[in-house]
C-alpha atoms as a PDB file:
ATOM      1  CA  UNK A   1       0.000   0.000   0.000  1.00  0.00           C
ATOM      2  CA  UNK A   2       1.112   3.559  -0.716  1.00  0.00           C
ATOM      3  CA  UNK A   3      -0.335   6.653   0.916  1.00  0.00           C
ATOM      4  CA  UNK A   4      -0.053  10.336   0.209  1.00  0.00           C
ATOM      5  CA  UNK A   5      -0.763  13.261   2.515  1.00  0.00           C
ATOM      6  CA  UNK A   6      -1.526  16.605   0.883  1.00  0.00           C
ATOM      7  CA  UNK A   7      -1.273  19.448   3.376  1.00  0.00           C
ATOM      8  CA  UNK A   8       1.153  19.312   6.302  1.00  0.00           C
ATOM      9  CA  UNK A   9      -0.691  21.308   8.940  1.00  0.00           C
ATOM     10  CA  UNK A  10      -1.622  19.880  12.335  1.00  0.00           C
ATOM     11  CA  UNK A  11      -3.791  17.041  10.967  1.00  0.00           C
ATOM     12  CA  UNK A  12      -1.514  16.197   8.035  1.00  0.00           C
ATOM     13  CA  UNK A  13       1.490  16.107  10.327  1.00  0.00           C
ATOM     14  CA  UNK A  14      -0.292  13.957  12.916  1.00  0.00           C
ATOM     15  CA  UNK A  15      -1.429  11.389  10.340  1.00  0.00           C
ATOM     16  CA  UNK A  16       2.026  11.223   8.770  1.00  0.00           C
ATOM     17  CA  UNK A  17       3.821  10.845  12.080  1.00  0.00           C
ATOM     18  CA  UNK A  18       1.415   8.256  13.504  1.00  0.00           C
ATOM     19  CA  UNK A  19       1.391   6.039  10.416  1.00  0.00           C
ATOM     20  CA  UNK A  20       5.169   6.334   9.977  1.00  0.00           C
ATOM     21  CA  UNK A  21       5.759   5.447  13.638  1.00  0.00           C
ATOM     22  CA  UNK A  22       3.409   2.447  13.481  1.00  0.00           C
ATOM     23  CA  UNK A  23       5.661   0.576  11.053  1.00  0.00           C
ATOM     24  CA  UNK A  24       2.573  -0.589   9.145  1.00  0.00           C
ATOM     25  CA  UNK A  25       4.056   0.620   5.857  1.00  0.00           C
ATOM     26  CA  UNK A  26       7.480   0.074   4.387  1.00  0.00           C
ATOM     27  CA  UNK A  27       9.920   2.972   4.167  1.00  0.00           C
ATOM     28  CA  UNK A  28       9.310   4.882   0.961  1.00  0.00           C
ATOM     29  CA  UNK A  29       5.579   4.128   0.820  1.00  0.00           C
ATOM     30  CA  UNK A  30       4.501   7.398   2.475  1.00  0.00           C
ATOM     31  CA  UNK A  31       4.515  10.593   0.400  1.00  0.00           C
ATOM     32  CA  UNK A  32       3.749  14.179   1.423  1.00  0.00           C
ATOM     33  CA  UNK A  33       3.290  17.482  -0.352  1.00  0.00           C
ATOM     34  CA  UNK A  34       2.634  20.944   0.980  1.00  0.00           C
ATOM     35  CA  UNK A  35       2.267  24.396  -0.516  1.00  0.00           C
ATOM     36  CA  UNK A  36       5.032  25.663   1.771  1.00  0.00           C
ATOM     37  CA  UNK A  37       8.092  23.423   1.556  1.00  0.00           C
ATOM     38  CA  UNK A  38       9.451  24.932   4.777  1.00  0.00           C
ATOM     39  CA  UNK A  39       6.968  22.920   6.839  1.00  0.00           C
ATOM     40  CA  UNK A  40       8.393  19.686   5.438  1.00  0.00           C
ATOM     41  CA  UNK A  41      11.874  20.051   6.885  1.00  0.00           C
ATOM     42  CA  UNK A  42      11.294  17.806   9.916  1.00  0.00           C
ATOM     43  CA  UNK A  43       9.257  14.980   8.426  1.00  0.00           C
ATOM     44  CA  UNK A  44       9.681  11.424   9.789  1.00  0.00           C
ATOM     45  CA  UNK A  45      12.519   9.358   8.397  1.00  0.00           C
ATOM     46  CA  UNK A  46      11.559   7.405   5.284  1.00  0.00           C
ATOM     47  CA  UNK A  47       8.737   9.751   4.246  1.00  0.00           C
ATOM     48  CA  UNK A  48       9.204  11.095   0.721  1.00  0.00           C
ATOM     49  CA  UNK A  49       8.590  14.756  -0.086  1.00  0.00           C
ATOM     50  CA  UNK A  50       6.940  15.347  -3.459  1.00  0.00           C
ATOM     51  CA  UNK A  51       7.509  18.396  -5.623  1.00  0.00           C
ATOM     52  CA  UNK A  52       3.784  19.087  -5.932  1.00  0.00           C
ATOM     53  CA  UNK A  53       0.350  17.455  -5.690  1.00  0.00           C
ATOM     54  CA  UNK A  54       0.489  16.042  -9.208  1.00  0.00           C
ATOM     55  CA  UNK A  55       3.809  14.380  -8.451  1.00  0.00           C
ATOM     56  CA  UNK A  56       2.267  12.873  -5.295  1.00  0.00           C
ATOM     57  CA  UNK A  57      -0.798  11.560  -7.160  1.00  0.00           C
ATOM     58  CA  UNK A  58       1.364   9.852  -9.771  1.00  0.00           C
ATOM     59  CA  UNK A  59       3.486   8.146  -7.118  1.00  0.00           C
ATOM     60  CA  UNK A  60       0.551   7.024  -4.947  1.00  0.00           C
ATOM     61  CA  UNK A  61      -2.015   6.025  -7.585  1.00  0.00           C
ATOM     62  CA  UNK A  62      -3.511   2.557  -7.100  1.00  0.00           C
ATOM     63  CA  UNK A  63      -2.162  -0.220  -9.292  1.00  0.00           C
ATOM     64  CA  UNK A  64      -2.547  -3.992  -9.581  1.00  0.00           C
ATOM     65  CA  UNK A  65       0.299  -4.374  -7.084  1.00  0.00           C
ATOM     66  CA  UNK A  66      -0.552  -1.613  -4.590  1.00  0.00           C
ATOM     67  CA  UNK A  67      -3.553   0.098  -3.092  1.00  0.00           C
ATOM     68  CA  UNK A  68      -3.276   3.894  -3.133  1.00  0.00           C
ATOM     69  CA  UNK A  69      -4.781   6.275  -0.573  1.00  0.00           C
ATOM     70  CA  UNK A  70      -4.508  10.073  -0.698  1.00  0.00           C
ATOM     71  CA  UNK A  71      -5.413  12.142   2.386  1.00  0.00           C
ATOM     72  CA  UNK A  72      -6.524  15.712   1.647  1.00  0.00           C
ATOM     73  CA  UNK A  73      -5.647  17.696   4.767  1.00  0.00           C
ATOM     74  CA  UNK A  74      -6.460  21.108   3.326  1.00  0.00           C
ATOM     75  CA  UNK A  75      -9.023  23.863   3.876  1.00  0.00           C
ATOM     76  CA  UNK A  76     -12.380  23.650   2.044  1.00  0.00           C
ATOM     77  CA  UNK A  77     -11.441  26.681  -0.032  1.00  0.00           C
ATOM     78  CA  UNK A  78      -8.342  24.833  -1.276  1.00  0.00           C
ATOM     79  CA  UNK A  79     -10.042  21.561  -2.210  1.00  0.00           C
ATOM     80  CA  UNK A  80     -11.157  22.767  -5.626  1.00  0.00           C
ATOM     81  CA  UNK A  81      -7.646  23.805  -6.566  1.00  0.00           C
ATOM     82  CA  UNK A  82      -6.185  20.529  -5.336  1.00  0.00           C
ATOM     83  CA  UNK A  83      -8.619  18.475  -7.421  1.00  0.00           C
ATOM     84  CA  UNK A  84      -8.179  20.743 -10.428  1.00  0.00           C
ATOM     85  CA  UNK A  85      -4.404  20.300 -10.212  1.00  0.00           C
ATOM     86  CA  UNK A  86      -4.609  16.514 -10.030  1.00  0.00           C
ATOM     87  CA  UNK A  87      -7.519  15.973 -12.441  1.00  0.00           C
ATOM     88  CA  UNK A  88      -5.431  14.183 -15.052  1.00  0.00           C
ATOM     89  CA  UNK A  89      -3.021  12.535 -12.625  1.00  0.00           C
ATOM     90  CA  UNK A  90      -5.370  10.968 -10.056  1.00  0.00           C
ATOM     91  CA  UNK A  91      -6.631   7.460 -10.783  1.00  0.00           C
ATOM     92  CA  UNK A  92     -10.301   6.689 -10.100  1.00  0.00           C
ATOM     93  CA  UNK A  93      -9.082   3.521  -8.341  1.00  0.00           C
ATOM     94  CA  UNK A  94      -7.157   5.546  -5.773  1.00  0.00           C
ATOM     95  CA  UNK A  95      -9.109   6.158  -2.553  1.00  0.00           C
ATOM     96  CA  UNK A  96      -9.273   9.897  -1.890  1.00  0.00           C
ATOM     97  CA  UNK A  97      -9.854  10.824   1.764  1.00  0.00           C
ATOM     98  CA  UNK A  98     -11.081  14.277   2.760  1.00  0.00           C
ATOM     99  CA  UNK A  99     -10.633  15.495   6.320  1.00  0.00           C
ATOM    100  CA  UNK A 100     -13.316  18.131   5.895  1.00  0.00           C
ATOM    101  CA  UNK A 101     -16.798  17.299   7.139  1.00  0.00           C
ATOM    102  CA  UNK A 102     -18.459  20.338   5.544  1.00  0.00           C
ATOM    103  CA  UNK A 103     -17.823  19.342   1.926  1.00  0.00           C
ATOM    104  CA  UNK A 104     -20.159  16.556   0.813  1.00  0.00           C
ATOM    105  CA  UNK A 105     -19.393  13.694  -1.554  1.00  0.00           C
ATOM    106  CA  UNK A 106     -21.931  15.169  -3.963  1.00  0.00           C
ATOM    107  CA  UNK A 107     -19.929  18.405  -4.096  1.00  0.00           C
ATOM    108  CA  UNK A 108     -16.622  16.589  -4.465  1.00  0.00           C
ATOM    109  CA  UNK A 109     -18.010  14.426  -7.276  1.00  0.00           C
ATOM    110  CA  UNK A 110     -18.056  17.495  -9.514  1.00  0.00           C
ATOM    111  CA  UNK A 111     -14.254  17.271  -9.536  1.00  0.00           C
ATOM    112  CA  UNK A 112     -13.523  13.584  -8.899  1.00  0.00           C
ATOM    113  CA  UNK A 113     -15.679  10.620  -9.908  1.00  0.00           C
ATOM    114  CA  UNK A 114     -13.770   7.878  -8.111  1.00  0.00           C
ATOM    115  CA  UNK A 115     -13.591   6.306  -4.673  1.00  0.00           C
ATOM    116  CA  UNK A 116     -13.873   8.680  -1.726  1.00  0.00           C
ATOM    117  CA  UNK A 117     -14.008   8.689   2.054  1.00  0.00           C
ATOM    118  CA  UNK A 118     -14.281  11.311   4.770  1.00  0.00           C
ATOM    119  CA  UNK A 119     -12.341  11.002   8.007  1.00  0.00           C
ATOM    120  CA  UNK A 120     -12.791  13.017  11.219  1.00  0.00           C
ATOM    121  CA  UNK A 121     -10.035  12.329  13.775  1.00  0.00           C
ATOM    122  CA  UNK A 122      -9.892  13.617  17.352  1.00  0.00           C
ATOM    123  CA  UNK A 123      -7.092  15.450  19.151  1.00  0.00           C
ATOM    124  CA  UNK A 124      -6.868  12.330  21.348  1.00  0.00           C
ATOM    125  CA  UNK A 125      -5.041  10.701  18.431  1.00  0.00           C
ATOM    126  CA  UNK A 126      -1.961  12.308  19.986  1.00  0.00           C
ATOM    127  CA  UNK A 127      -2.114   9.576  22.663  1.00  0.00           C
ATOM    128  CA  UNK A 128      -3.420   6.896  20.255  1.00  0.00           C
ATOM    129  CA  UNK A 129      -6.949   7.129  21.682  1.00  0.00           C
ATOM    130  CA  UNK A 130      -8.807   8.824  18.832  1.00  0.00           C
ATOM    131  CA  UNK A 131     -12.407   7.866  18.155  1.00  0.00           C
ATOM    132  CA  UNK A 132     -12.021   8.445  14.429  1.00  0.00           C
ATOM    133  CA  UNK A 133     -15.142   8.827  12.296  1.00  0.00           C
ATOM    134  CA  UNK A 134     -15.238   7.582   8.723  1.00  0.00           C
ATOM    135  CA  UNK A 135     -17.800   7.446   5.919  1.00  0.00           C
ATOM    136  CA  UNK A 136     -17.574   6.379   2.279  1.00  0.00           C
ATOM    137  CA  UNK A 137     -19.162   7.201  -1.047  1.00  0.00           C
ATOM    138  CA  UNK A 138     -20.856   4.484  -3.069  1.00  0.00           C
ATOM    139  CA  UNK A 139     -17.763   3.642  -5.097  1.00  0.00           C
ATOM    140  CA  UNK A 140     -15.473   2.662  -2.209  1.00  0.00           C
ATOM    141  CA  UNK A 141     -15.119  -1.117  -2.025  1.00  0.00           C
ATOM    142  CA  UNK A 142     -14.670  -3.390   0.978  1.00  0.00           C
ATOM    143  CA  UNK A 143     -10.920  -3.718   0.472  1.00  0.00           C
ATOM    144  CA  UNK A 144     -10.648   0.096   0.358  1.00  0.00           C
ATOM    145  CA  UNK A 145     -12.427   0.313   3.702  1.00  0.00           C
ATOM    146  CA  UNK A 146     -10.246  -2.364   5.273  1.00  0.00           C
ATOM    147  CA  UNK A 147      -7.027  -0.710   4.111  1.00  0.00           C
ATOM    148  CA  UNK A 148      -8.053   2.758   5.276  1.00  0.00           C
ATOM    149  CA  UNK A 149      -9.323   1.586   8.642  1.00  0.00           C
ATOM    150  CA  UNK A 150      -6.158  -0.409   9.297  1.00  0.00           C
ATOM    151  CA  UNK A 151      -4.247   2.880   8.962  1.00  0.00           C
ATOM    152  CA  UNK A 152      -6.671   4.803  11.151  1.00  0.00           C
ATOM    153  CA  UNK A 153      -6.462   2.183  13.903  1.00  0.00           C
ATOM    154  CA  UNK A 154      -2.788   3.046  14.364  1.00  0.00           C
ATOM    155  CA  UNK A 155      -3.977   6.006  16.458  1.00  0.00           C
ATOM    156  CA  UNK A 156      -7.277   4.820  17.946  1.00  0.00           C
ATOM    157  CA  UNK A 157     -10.663   3.269  17.253  1.00  0.00           C
ATOM    158  CA  UNK A 158     -12.623   3.663  14.024  1.00  0.00           C
ATOM    159  CA  UNK A 159     -16.365   4.355  13.864  1.00  0.00           C
ATOM    160  CA  UNK A 160     -18.163   4.189  10.510  1.00  0.00           C
ATOM    161  CA  UNK A 161     -21.214   6.449  10.190  1.00  0.00           C
ATOM    162  CA  UNK A 162     -23.458   7.465   7.291  1.00  0.00           C
ATOM    163  CA  UNK A 163     -22.488  10.797   5.772  1.00  0.00           C
ATOM    164  CA  UNK A 164     -25.550  12.586   7.153  1.00  0.00           C
ATOM    165  CA  UNK A 165     -24.533  11.671  10.732  1.00  0.00           C
ATOM    166  CA  UNK A 166     -20.952  12.869  10.490  1.00  0.00           C
ATOM    167  CA  UNK A 167     -21.963  16.291  11.860  1.00  0.00           C
ATOM    168  CA  UNK A 168     -23.417  15.024  15.137  1.00  0.00           C
ATOM    169  CA  UNK A 169     -20.734  12.366  15.289  1.00  0.00           C
ATOM    170  CA  UNK A 170     -18.131  15.125  15.160  1.00  0.00           C
ATOM    171  CA  UNK A 171     -19.792  16.842  18.108  1.00  0.00           C
ATOM    172  CA  UNK A 172     -19.481  13.630  20.121  1.00  0.00           C
ATOM    173  CA  UNK A 173     -15.863  12.753  19.351  1.00  0.00           C
ATOM    174  CA  UNK A 174     -13.962  15.561  17.625  1.00  0.00           C
ATOM    175  CA  UNK A 175     -15.492  18.526  19.499  1.00  0.00           C
ATOM    176  CA  UNK A 176     -16.085  16.649  22.754  1.00  0.00           C
ATOM    177  CA  UNK A 177     -12.533  17.020  24.146  1.00  0.00           C
ATOM    178  CA  UNK A 178     -13.075  20.791  24.007  1.00  0.00           C
ATOM    179  CA  UNK A 179     -16.511  20.501  25.607  1.00  0.00           C
ATOM    180  CA  UNK A 180     -15.194  18.218  28.357  1.00  0.00           C
ATOM    181  CA  UNK A 181     -12.178  20.447  29.017  1.00  0.00           C
ATOM    182  CA  UNK A 182     -14.360  23.544  29.297  1.00  0.00           C
ATOM    183  CA  UNK A 183     -16.822  21.821  31.660  1.00  0.00           C
ATOM    184  CA  UNK A 184     -14.087  20.620  33.992  1.00  0.00           C
ATOM    185  CA  UNK A 185     -12.313  23.966  33.750  1.00  0.00           C
ATOM    186  CA  UNK A 186     -15.476  25.557  35.193  1.00  0.00           C
ATOM    187  CA  UNK A 187     -15.750  22.868  37.885  1.00  0.00           C
ATOM    188  CA  UNK A 188     -12.131  23.320  38.937  1.00  0.00           C
ATOM    189  CA  UNK A 189     -12.466  27.107  38.988  1.00  0.00           C
ATOM    190  CA  UNK A 190     -15.473  26.793  41.281  1.00  0.00           C
ATOM    191  CA  UNK A 191     -13.757  24.255  43.540  1.00  0.00           C
ATOM    192  CA  UNK A 192     -10.725  26.543  43.954  1.00  0.00           C
ATOM    193  CA  UNK A 193     -12.966  29.141  45.590  1.00  0.00           C
ATOM    194  CA  UNK A 194     -13.604  26.758  48.479  1.00  0.00           C
ATOM    195  CA  UNK A 195     -10.173  25.272  49.205  1.00  0.00           C
ATOM    196  CA  UNK A 196      -6.541  26.064  49.910  1.00  0.00           C
ATOM    197  CA  UNK A 197      -5.375  23.026  47.926  1.00  0.00           C
ATOM    198  CA  UNK A 198      -2.923  24.290  45.243  1.00  0.00           C
ATOM    199  CA  UNK A 199      -4.562  24.979  41.886  1.00  0.00           C
ATOM    200  CA  UNK A 200      -2.427  22.495  39.950  1.00  0.00           C
ATOM    201  CA  UNK A 201      -3.226  19.761  42.460  1.00  0.00           C
ATOM    202  CA  UNK A 202      -6.957  20.445  42.147  1.00  0.00           C
ATOM    203  CA  UNK A 203      -6.691  20.026  38.381  1.00  0.00           C
ATOM    204  CA  UNK A 204      -4.663  16.817  38.648  1.00  0.00           C
ATOM    205  CA  UNK A 205      -7.099  15.319  41.164  1.00  0.00           C
ATOM    206  CA  UNK A 206     -10.053  16.034  38.895  1.00  0.00           C
ATOM    207  CA  UNK A 207      -8.283  14.849  35.721  1.00  0.00           C
ATOM    208  CA  UNK A 208      -7.131  11.583  37.274  1.00  0.00           C
ATOM    209  CA  UNK A 209     -10.614  10.939  38.642  1.00  0.00           C
ATOM    210  CA  UNK A 210     -12.208  11.797  35.292  1.00  0.00           C
ATOM    211  CA  UNK A 211      -9.911   9.410  33.402  1.00  0.00           C
ATOM    212  CA  UNK A 212     -10.364   6.640  35.982  1.00  0.00           C
ATOM    213  CA  UNK A 213     -14.158   7.016  35.863  1.00  0.00           C
ATOM    214  CA  UNK A 214     -14.124   6.554  32.106  1.00  0.00           C
ATOM    215  CA  UNK A 215     -11.912   3.479  32.379  1.00  0.00           C
ATOM    216  CA  UNK A 216     -14.149   2.049  35.108  1.00  0.00           C
ATOM    217  CA  UNK A 217     -17.263   2.493  32.977  1.00  0.00           C
ATOM    218  CA  UNK A 218     -15.688   0.959  29.901  1.00  0.00           C
ATOM    219  CA  UNK A 219     -14.044  -1.985  31.667  1.00  0.00           C
ATOM    220  CA  UNK A 220     -17.081  -2.799  33.825  1.00  0.00           C
ATOM    221  CA  UNK A 221     -19.643  -1.923  31.155  1.00  0.00           C
ATOM    222  CA  UNK A 222     -21.270   0.567  33.514  1.00  0.00           C
ATOM    223  CA  UNK A 223     -23.732   3.268  32.486  1.00  0.00           C
ATOM    224  CA  UNK A 224     -23.648   6.848  33.772  1.00  0.00           C
ATOM    225  CA  UNK A 225     -26.611   5.980  35.975  1.00  0.00           C
ATOM    226  CA  UNK A 226     -24.709   2.990  37.363  1.00  0.00           C
ATOM    227  CA  UNK A 227     -21.857   5.229  38.509  1.00  0.00           C
ATOM    228  CA  UNK A 228     -24.226   7.806  40.010  1.00  0.00           C
ATOM    229  CA  UNK A 229     -26.166   5.189  41.976  1.00  0.00           C
ATOM    230  CA  UNK A 230     -22.898   3.586  43.112  1.00  0.00           C
ATOM    231  CA  UNK A 231     -21.480   6.828  44.523  1.00  0.00           C
ATOM    232  CA  UNK A 232     -24.532   8.937  45.367  1.00  0.00           C
ATOM    233  CA  UNK A 233     -26.020   7.106  48.345  1.00  0.00           C
ATOM    234  CA  UNK A 234     -29.512   8.177  49.294  1.00  0.00           C
ATOM    235  CA  UNK A 235     -29.486  11.228  51.524  1.00  0.00           C
ATOM    236  CA  UNK A 236     -25.711  11.624  51.150  1.00  0.00           C
ATOM    237  CA  UNK A 237     -23.404  14.422  50.066  1.00  0.00           C
ATOM    238  CA  UNK A 238     -22.874  13.200  46.484  1.00  0.00           C
ATOM    239  CA  UNK A 239     -26.621  12.978  45.956  1.00  0.00           C
ATOM    240  CA  UNK A 240     -26.927  16.689  46.708  1.00  0.00           C
ATOM    241  CA  UNK A 241     -24.385  17.470  44.003  1.00  0.00           C
ATOM    242  CA  UNK A 242     -25.893  15.155  41.389  1.00  0.00           C
ATOM    243  CA  UNK A 243     -29.320  16.701  41.972  1.00  0.00           C
ATOM    244  CA  UNK A 244     -27.891  20.096  41.038  1.00  0.00           C
ATOM    245  CA  UNK A 245     -26.322  18.691  37.869  1.00  0.00           C
ATOM    246  CA  UNK A 246     -29.466  16.898  36.720  1.00  0.00           C
ATOM    247  CA  UNK A 247     -31.672  19.898  37.497  1.00  0.00           C
ATOM    248  CA  UNK A 248     -29.515  22.713  36.084  1.00  0.00           C
ATOM    249  CA  UNK A 249     -27.195  21.247  33.461  1.00  0.00           C
ATOM    250  CA  UNK A 250     -29.708  19.869  30.872  1.00  0.00           C
ATOM    251  CA  UNK A 251     -30.540  23.410  29.716  1.00  0.00           C
ATOM    252  CA  UNK A 252     -26.842  24.131  29.193  1.00  0.00           C
ATOM    253  CA  UNK A 253     -26.319  20.846  27.332  1.00  0.00           C
ATOM    254  CA  UNK A 254     -29.316  21.482  25.070  1.00  0.00           C
ATOM    255  CA  UNK A 255     -28.070  25.002  24.335  1.00  0.00           C
ATOM    256  CA  UNK A 256     -24.573  23.702  23.608  1.00  0.00           C
ATOM    257  CA  UNK A 257     -25.787  21.335  20.882  1.00  0.00           C
ATOM    258  CA  UNK A 258     -28.289  23.846  19.495  1.00  0.00           C
ATOM    259  CA  UNK A 259     -25.520  26.423  19.085  1.00  0.00           C
ATOM    260  CA  UNK A 260     -22.853  24.083  17.723  1.00  0.00           C
ATOM    261  CA  UNK A 261     -25.138  22.289  15.276  1.00  0.00           C
ATOM    262  CA  UNK A 262     -26.451  25.609  13.979  1.00  0.00           C
ATOM    263  CA  UNK A 263     -22.883  26.840  13.584  1.00  0.00           C
ATOM    264  CA  UNK A 264     -22.068  23.605  11.748  1.00  0.00           C
ATOM    265  CA  UNK A 265     -25.052  24.138   9.411  1.00  0.00           C
ATOM    266  CA  UNK A 266     -23.968  27.715   8.658  1.00  0.00           C
ATOM    267  CA  UNK A 267     -20.377  26.597   8.104  1.00  0.00           C
ATOM    268  CA  UNK A 268     -21.546  23.901   5.675  1.00  0.00           C
ATOM    269  CA  UNK A 269     -23.655  26.414   3.739  1.00  0.00           C
ATOM    270  CA  UNK A 270     -20.740  28.830   3.540  1.00  0.00           C
ATOM    271  CA  UNK A 271     -18.394  26.044   2.432  1.00  0.00           C
ATOM    272  CA  UNK A 272     -20.884  24.922  -0.234  1.00  0.00           C
ATOM    273  CA  UNK A 273     -21.201  28.437  -1.614  1.00  0.00           C
ATOM    274  CA  UNK A 274     -17.445  28.903  -1.653  1.00  0.00           C
ATOM    275  CA  UNK A 275     -16.784  25.461  -3.086  1.00  0.00           C
ATOM    276  CA  UNK A 276     -19.310  25.758  -5.894  1.00  0.00           C
ATOM    277  CA  UNK A 277     -18.298  29.221  -7.063  1.00  0.00           C
ATOM    278  CA  UNK A 278     -17.163  29.182 -10.699  1.00  0.00           C
ATOM    279  CA  UNK A 279     -18.021  25.493 -11.106  1.00  0.00           C
END
């Protein structure tokens, strides 16, 4: 298998580094290109820098001997130009993977008629714990899916969703680290008002407990309600706190998803308008 990564920003760099470090591909089977060559000075050993996107497509294109996968780690506004550049160099048998959830397969099909996938990783890929979302167009075959998902599993789990659920799926895995961090930031800030325990120790105590609670639930197959009933004994201190959460927090949670999903809808509309200009 040969893979290409177009765009060496934070996501392009992460994918390159994780796949290169996994040893799942032979040296010389990973290719990168980037508009600014300066960003490619510290690439992992064995990764080949291409002169441009066309050069990358030609080197990575699927053949009878090798599967080819090209990751497009670029902004929506740049996708048109990337496809236009590679129009005559990209094989329809090569699996093209977009990391942008706002651009639909229908929109992309105006520029490329072959196999496509969309991938939404999480920042937790940095510690190999990403819950990575993936969806495919109708032309991707089972072997394409297996090859792509074997790469994605080098930095976490893979969850396949239909394209129309990628938005909400992104809220639950890609955006969720930010939501969780902000929630516990507020909790820690409030706790600090009532204690002389050093601030950094408060944060560490909460983080370790948060991580351990997640591990407990996953390993023991416990629900959120199971944990609450286990800790919040009737008439006890924890019960008082959980009552506050269940009474006050649902409005905040509803507002959070209303705001983010509306922002996602507006972003998708803007991306569609931008993407379809002059097409």
